[in-house]
Amino acid sequence: MRVADFDRDGWSLDDGEQRHAAAPDRFVIPPLWVREALEPGDFAQLIFKIAIDDDEDPASFERMWVVVTGRTQDGYIGVLNNEPASTSENDALWLGSELPFWPRHIIDVAEANDASMAIANAPPKIPWTP
């Protein structure tokens, strides 16, 4: 399953493993075994690169939480559990948007709760289009 492409989708996911490798003392991420063991309802925090209307800086970076809804061959599928602050509502990325991601994108995790389990079991507001 393809992940988002900045030019095609207007947003993409930053690579948490690359950020950690560049600054391991300042940018700590969970161990790979933790990032590979998420279950539906668990939370994954990702860094989103989002296109914005600004001539000097055409992208904004935001850390946002995603609720895992399932596994894919390469990683996970989930739904965005935050509203992006850097852009107004759009059709591609908003609270409830479905998106695929890989363990290398994950920068933090949190355990499932009743609310996240309900999100994981509901259809996404905005389904992912491959």
Protein backbone atom coordinates (compact mmCIF):
# COMPACT_ATOMS: atom_id res chain seq x y z
CA MET A 1 0.00 0.00 0.00
CA ARG A 2 1.39 3.38 -0.91
CA VAL A 3 1.96 6.05 1.71
CA ALA A 4 1.16 9.70 1.08
CA ASP A 5 3.30 11.67 -1.36
CA PHE A 6 3.74 15.41 -0.72
CA ASP A 7 3.42 16.44 -4.39
CA ARG A 8 0.47 14.14 -5.13
CA ASP A 9 -1.46 14.39 -1.86
CA GLY A 10 -0.47 17.78 -0.43
CA TRP A 11 1.01 16.10 2.64
CA SER A 12 3.37 13.30 3.57
CA LEU A 13 4.88 11.60 6.59
CA ASP A 14 8.33 12.40 7.92
CA ASP A 15 10.73 9.54 8.66
CA GLY A 16 11.16 9.28 12.45
CA GLU A 17 14.05 6.83 12.10
CA GLN A 18 16.01 9.33 9.99
CA ARG A 19 15.37 12.11 12.53
CA HIS A 20 16.51 9.82 15.34
CA ALA A 21 19.65 8.79 13.43
CA ALA A 22 20.55 12.46 12.87
CA ALA A 23 20.11 13.42 16.55
CA PRO A 24 19.77 10.31 18.76
CA ASP A 25 20.20 12.22 22.04
CA ARG A 26 17.62 14.88 21.18
CA PHE A 27 15.13 12.91 19.11
CA VAL A 28 14.19 9.69 20.89
CA ILE A 29 11.75 7.20 19.38
CA PRO A 30 10.40 3.90 20.73
CA PRO A 31 12.40 0.75 19.90
CA LEU A 32 11.54 -0.97 16.61
CA TRP A 33 9.94 -3.95 18.37
CA VAL A 34 7.47 -1.56 20.05
CA ARG A 35 6.74 0.26 16.79
CA GLU A 36 6.11 -3.09 15.05
CA ALA A 37 3.76 -4.46 17.74
CA LEU A 38 0.85 -2.01 17.63
CA GLU A 39 -2.69 -3.35 17.66
CA PRO A 40 -6.00 -1.78 16.61
CA GLY A 41 -6.93 0.99 19.03
CA ASP A 42 -3.31 1.83 19.92
CA PHE A 43 -2.04 5.33 19.22
CA ALA A 44 0.92 6.20 17.00
CA GLN A 45 2.36 9.72 16.85
CA LEU A 46 3.63 10.73 13.41
CA ILE A 47 5.18 13.85 11.91
CA PHE A 48 3.14 15.24 9.03
CA LYS A 49 4.55 17.54 6.35
CA ILE A 50 1.58 19.58 5.16
CA ALA A 51 1.42 21.93 2.17
CA ILE A 52 0.43 25.47 3.11
CA ASP A 53 -0.11 28.67 1.13
CA ASP A 54 3.11 30.52 1.96
CA ASP A 55 5.61 31.63 -0.67
CA GLU A 56 8.58 31.59 1.73
CA ASP A 57 7.83 28.23 3.37
CA PRO A 58 5.39 26.04 1.42
CA ALA A 59 5.20 23.32 4.12
CA SER A 60 4.43 23.01 7.79
CA PHE A 61 5.42 20.12 10.07
CA GLU A 62 3.02 18.89 12.75
CA ARG A 63 3.16 16.03 15.23
CA MET A 64 -0.22 14.36 15.35
CA TRP A 65 -1.74 11.19 16.76
CA VAL A 66 -3.24 8.41 14.66
CA VAL A 67 -5.41 5.56 15.96
CA VAL A 68 -4.33 2.21 14.51
CA THR A 69 -7.23 0.46 12.80
CA GLY A 70 -5.36 -2.46 11.23
CA ARG A 71 -2.18 -3.89 9.80
CA THR A 72 -0.98 -3.84 6.19
CA GLN A 73 1.78 -5.81 4.48
CA ASP A 74 4.23 -2.95 5.17
CA GLY A 75 2.88 -1.51 8.39
CA TYR A 76 -0.42 -0.05 9.51
CA ILE A 77 -3.58 1.70 8.51
CA GLY A 78 -5.07 4.23 10.90
CA VAL A 79 -7.20 7.32 11.27
CA LEU A 80 -6.02 10.79 12.17
CA ASN A 81 -7.05 11.70 15.70
CA ASN A 82 -6.04 15.40 15.51
CA GLU A 83 -7.01 18.36 13.38
CA PRO A 84 -4.05 19.96 11.58
CA ALA A 85 -3.41 23.45 12.93
CA SER A 86 -1.47 24.73 9.93
CA THR A 87 -4.17 24.37 7.29
CA SER A 88 -7.87 24.94 6.98
CA GLU A 89 -10.20 21.99 6.51
CA ASN A 90 -9.59 20.14 3.27
CA ASP A 91 -10.65 16.91 1.59
CA ALA A 92 -7.31 15.13 1.96
CA LEU A 93 -6.26 15.39 5.60
CA TRP A 94 -8.55 16.06 8.52
CA LEU A 95 -9.75 14.52 11.77
CA GLY A 96 -10.93 11.01 10.88
CA SER A 97 -8.85 10.74 7.69
CA GLU A 98 -7.64 7.22 6.98
CA LEU A 99 -3.95 6.82 6.15
CA PRO A 100 -1.31 4.12 5.83
CA PHE A 101 2.01 4.39 7.66
CA TRP A 102 5.06 2.30 8.43
CA PRO A 103 6.91 1.67 11.71
CA ARG A 104 9.69 4.03 10.57
CA HIS A 105 7.21 6.93 10.64
CA ILE A 106 6.25 6.36 14.32
CA ILE A 107 7.86 8.73 16.83
CA ASP A 108 5.78 7.84 19.91
CA VAL A 109 3.10 5.35 20.96
CA ALA A 110 0.33 5.11 23.53
CA GLU A 111 -1.93 2.26 24.57
CA ALA A 112 -5.51 1.90 23.43
CA ASN A 113 -8.42 3.12 25.52
CA ASP A 114 -12.19 2.79 25.18
CA ALA A 115 -12.48 5.87 22.95
CA SER A 116 -9.68 4.76 20.61
CA MET A 117 -11.16 1.26 20.35
CA ALA A 118 -14.45 2.82 19.24
CA ILE A 119 -12.57 4.84 16.60
CA ALA A 120 -10.70 1.72 15.43
CA ASN A 121 -13.97 -0.16 14.98
CA ALA A 122 -15.81 2.61 13.10
CA PRO A 123 -15.49 3.40 9.38
CA PRO A 124 -13.16 6.32 8.61
CA LYS A 125 -14.71 9.72 7.89
CA ILE A 126 -12.37 10.16 4.90
CA PRO A 127 -11.22 6.81 3.39
CA TRP A 128 -7.69 6.48 1.98
CA THR A 129 -7.51 6.43 -1.80
CA PRO A 130 -4.46 4.48 -3.02
